[in-house]
Amino acid sequence: MGERELVRDRERTRRAILEAAERAIVHKGTKVSLAEIAALAGVTKSGLMHHFATRDDLTAHLVEHICARMWQEVRAHVDLSENRPGKFTRGYVRALTGGSEYVTRIFSPSGLLATLGSLDAELTAPFEEEDARAWNAAFDADGLPAGRALAVRYAAEGLAAAVNTPYLTADQLADARAELLALTEVDAAP
């Protein structure tokens, strides 16, 4: 087996473990055993430990994985034909308001973000600070007035948390999504 195949298998195994950890934590909480995560991933516990030496290491990489997936989901919902200010923010709104099953799942009240929020912040703080700077930079570069971008961004996150709850109907979500998308349209002239 060549070096390239080994790297691909290593990456595939790591991804399988991280995805298994996501599923296990959503279903059983943060106290799920590493053996259970390994079994879900189709590896042995020692195989899991080869990739992630400790539970804290797995948790830190899981947060990185979730953040990377979030970026992928938002980028997948950016319409590249929209060559005007707010393109990135519209992609964010689309991803968070029903366009992405993954985002809906992680933002749900019983989802991964809520569950991981109960963990020791020291594990993930440095990465989260870097990720927050990247999100802020992306929104700042999007061409919308700063206050409007913040309002739309956090309204979309609130809607994402309410999807699939009795507090937000499908019609209400559609109406709110349309309003948020409308708020991302600005005149090019000052």
Protein backbone atom coordinates (compact mmCIF):
# COMPACT_ATOMS: atom_id res chain seq x y z
CA MET A 1 0.00 0.00 0.00
CA GLY A 2 1.42 3.40 -0.97
CA GLU A 3 1.89 6.39 1.31
CA ARG A 4 -1.05 8.16 -0.36
CA GLU A 5 -3.40 5.25 0.41
CA LEU A 6 -2.23 5.14 4.05
CA VAL A 7 -2.95 8.85 4.48
CA ARG A 8 -6.37 8.47 2.87
CA ASP A 9 -7.20 5.50 5.12
CA ARG A 10 -5.97 7.38 8.18
CA GLU A 11 -8.11 10.40 7.28
CA ARG A 12 -11.11 8.21 6.52
CA THR A 13 -10.75 6.42 9.87
CA ARG A 14 -10.42 9.70 11.78
CA ARG A 15 -13.51 11.06 10.02
CA ALA A 16 -15.44 7.85 10.79
CA ILE A 17 -14.51 8.17 14.47
CA LEU A 18 -15.51 11.84 14.60
CA GLU A 19 -18.83 11.14 12.88
CA ALA A 20 -19.47 8.23 15.25
CA ALA A 21 -18.68 10.50 18.20
CA GLU A 22 -21.22 13.02 16.90
CA ARG A 23 -23.95 10.38 16.69
CA ALA A 24 -23.08 8.80 20.04
CA ILE A 25 -23.00 12.10 21.92
CA VAL A 26 -26.34 13.20 20.46
CA HIS A 27 -27.96 9.91 21.50
CA LYS A 28 -26.20 9.21 24.81
CA GLY A 29 -24.64 12.49 25.94
CA THR A 30 -21.05 13.36 26.72
CA LYS A 31 -20.63 10.43 29.10
CA VAL A 32 -20.78 7.92 26.23
CA SER A 33 -17.86 5.53 26.47
CA LEU A 34 -14.96 5.56 24.05
CA ALA A 35 -15.63 1.86 23.45
CA GLU A 36 -19.16 2.70 22.27
CA ILE A 37 -17.83 5.40 19.94
CA ALA A 38 -15.21 3.00 18.60
CA ALA A 39 -17.84 0.33 17.94
CA LEU A 40 -20.02 2.83 16.06
CA ALA A 41 -16.99 3.83 13.98
CA GLY A 42 -16.14 0.22 13.20
CA VAL A 43 -12.77 0.33 14.96
CA THR A 44 -11.41 -1.07 18.20
CA LYS A 45 -11.01 1.12 21.26
CA SER A 46 -7.24 0.91 20.80
CA GLY A 47 -7.76 2.00 17.18
CA LEU A 48 -9.69 5.02 18.41
CA MET A 49 -6.95 5.75 20.96
CA HIS A 50 -4.35 5.56 18.19
CA HIS A 51 -6.04 8.53 16.49
CA PHE A 52 -7.19 10.38 19.62
CA ALA A 53 -5.01 9.70 22.66
CA THR A 54 -7.53 10.93 25.23
CA ARG A 55 -11.21 11.77 25.53
CA ASP A 56 -10.22 15.45 25.70
CA ASP A 57 -8.24 15.07 22.47
CA LEU A 58 -11.27 13.49 20.79
CA THR A 59 -13.53 16.26 22.10
CA ALA A 60 -11.24 19.03 20.87
CA HIS A 61 -11.00 17.45 17.43
CA LEU A 62 -14.76 16.88 17.40
CA VAL A 63 -15.38 20.59 17.94
CA GLU A 64 -12.95 21.35 15.09
CA HIS A 65 -14.75 18.81 12.90
CA ILE A 66 -18.16 20.33 13.65
CA CYS A 67 -16.90 23.83 12.91
CA ALA A 68 -15.35 22.69 9.63
CA ARG A 69 -18.62 20.99 8.65
CA MET A 70 -20.51 24.17 9.48
CA TRP A 71 -18.27 26.13 7.12
CA GLN A 72 -18.79 23.50 4.42
CA GLU A 73 -22.55 23.65 4.82
CA VAL A 74 -22.68 27.45 4.63
CA ARG A 75 -20.39 27.54 1.59
CA ALA A 76 -22.58 24.92 -0.10
CA HIS A 77 -25.55 27.28 0.30
CA VAL A 78 -23.81 30.34 -1.14
CA ASP A 79 -25.19 31.12 -4.60
CA LEU A 80 -22.10 31.97 -6.63
CA SER A 81 -24.25 33.78 -9.20
CA GLU A 82 -25.18 36.41 -6.61
CA ASN A 83 -22.45 38.93 -7.25
CA ARG A 84 -23.62 41.56 -4.82
CA PRO A 85 -23.15 42.38 -1.14
CA GLY A 86 -24.63 39.86 1.29
CA LYS A 87 -23.86 36.72 -0.72
CA PHE A 88 -22.16 34.96 2.20
CA THR A 89 -24.83 36.04 4.68
CA ARG A 90 -27.57 34.71 2.39
CA GLY A 91 -25.75 31.37 2.26
CA TYR A 92 -25.61 31.39 6.06
CA VAL A 93 -29.35 32.11 6.30
CA ARG A 94 -30.16 29.35 3.80
CA ALA A 95 -27.99 26.80 5.63
CA LEU A 96 -29.38 27.66 9.06
CA THR A 97 -33.04 27.97 8.14
CA GLY A 98 -33.68 24.56 6.71
CA GLY A 99 -31.32 24.22 3.80
CA SER A 100 -28.95 21.90 5.66
CA GLU A 101 -30.04 18.80 7.54
CA TYR A 102 -26.66 18.73 9.29
CA VAL A 103 -26.97 22.30 10.58
CA THR A 104 -30.55 21.69 11.69
CA ARG A 105 -29.39 18.65 13.63
CA ILE A 106 -26.46 20.32 15.39
CA PHE A 107 -28.44 23.45 16.30
CA SER A 108 -31.46 21.59 17.70
CA PRO A 109 -32.08 22.07 21.44
CA SER A 110 -30.97 18.50 22.09
CA GLY A 111 -28.29 18.57 19.41
CA LEU A 112 -24.56 18.47 19.44
CA LEU A 113 -23.89 22.16 20.12
CA ALA A 114 -26.13 22.14 23.18
CA THR A 115 -24.56 18.94 24.45
CA LEU A 116 -20.98 20.04 23.85
CA GLY A 117 -21.72 23.41 25.42
CA SER A 118 -21.74 21.66 28.79
CA LEU A 119 -18.09 20.61 28.45
CA ASP A 120 -15.03 22.27 29.90
CA ALA A 121 -14.50 25.41 27.81
CA GLU A 122 -10.72 25.21 28.27
CA LEU A 123 -10.66 22.23 25.91
CA THR A 124 -11.99 24.15 22.97
CA ALA A 125 -11.53 27.85 23.77
CA PRO A 126 -8.44 28.48 21.60
CA PHE A 127 -10.01 26.87 18.55
CA GLU A 128 -13.38 28.53 19.13
CA GLU A 129 -11.72 31.94 19.40
CA GLU A 130 -9.97 31.37 16.07
CA ASP A 131 -13.20 30.11 14.49
CA ALA A 132 -15.14 33.12 15.81
CA ARG A 133 -12.57 35.47 14.27
CA ALA A 134 -12.94 33.69 10.93
CA TRP A 135 -16.76 33.96 11.01
CA ASN A 136 -16.57 37.63 12.00
CA ALA A 137 -14.11 38.32 9.18
CA ALA A 138 -16.34 36.55 6.65
CA PHE A 139 -19.38 38.57 7.70
CA ASP A 140 -17.36 41.81 7.83
CA ALA A 141 -16.14 41.22 4.26
CA ASP A 142 -19.63 40.48 2.94
CA GLY A 143 -20.52 44.10 2.25
CA LEU A 144 -23.55 44.48 4.51
CA PRO A 145 -23.87 47.13 7.21
CA ALA A 146 -22.32 45.59 10.33
CA GLY A 147 -25.41 45.87 12.54
CA ARG A 148 -27.65 44.35 9.89
CA ALA A 149 -25.26 41.45 9.32
CA LEU A 150 -25.18 40.74 13.07
CA ALA A 151 -28.97 40.90 13.37
CA VAL A 152 -29.49 38.57 10.42
CA ARG A 153 -26.77 36.18 11.58
CA TYR A 154 -28.08 35.76 15.10
CA ALA A 155 -31.72 35.68 14.02
CA ALA A 156 -30.82 32.80 11.69
CA GLU A 157 -29.13 31.00 14.58
CA GLY A 158 -32.22 31.48 16.74
CA LEU A 159 -34.41 30.05 14.00
CA ALA A 160 -32.02 27.12 13.59
CA ALA A 161 -32.40 26.33 17.29
CA ALA A 162 -36.21 26.46 17.00
CA VAL A 163 -36.56 24.25 13.90
CA ASN A 164 -38.34 20.98 14.69
CA THR A 165 -39.79 22.35 17.92
CA PRO A 166 -43.42 23.27 18.60
CA TYR A 167 -42.35 26.92 18.83
CA LEU A 168 -41.75 27.38 15.11
CA THR A 169 -44.03 26.11 12.35
CA ALA A 170 -42.83 25.43 8.83
CA ASP A 171 -44.81 28.45 7.59
CA GLN A 172 -43.27 30.70 10.25
CA LEU A 173 -39.81 29.46 9.31
CA ALA A 174 -40.46 30.16 5.63
CA ASP A 175 -41.72 33.68 6.42
CA ALA A 176 -38.78 34.44 8.71
CA ARG A 177 -36.29 33.06 6.19
CA ALA A 178 -37.75 35.27 3.45
CA GLU A 179 -37.52 38.32 5.71
CA LEU A 180 -33.92 37.57 6.66
CA LEU A 181 -32.96 37.08 3.03
CA ALA A 182 -34.66 40.39 2.17
CA LEU A 183 -32.59 42.11 4.86
CA THR A 184 -29.42 41.01 3.08
CA GLU A 185 -30.33 42.99 -0.02
CA VAL A 186 -28.79 46.46 0.02
CA ASP A 187 -28.49 49.15 -2.61
CA ALA A 188 -25.06 49.35 -4.19
CA ALA A 189 -25.19 53.15 -4.16
CA PRO A 190 -24.62 54.98 -0.84
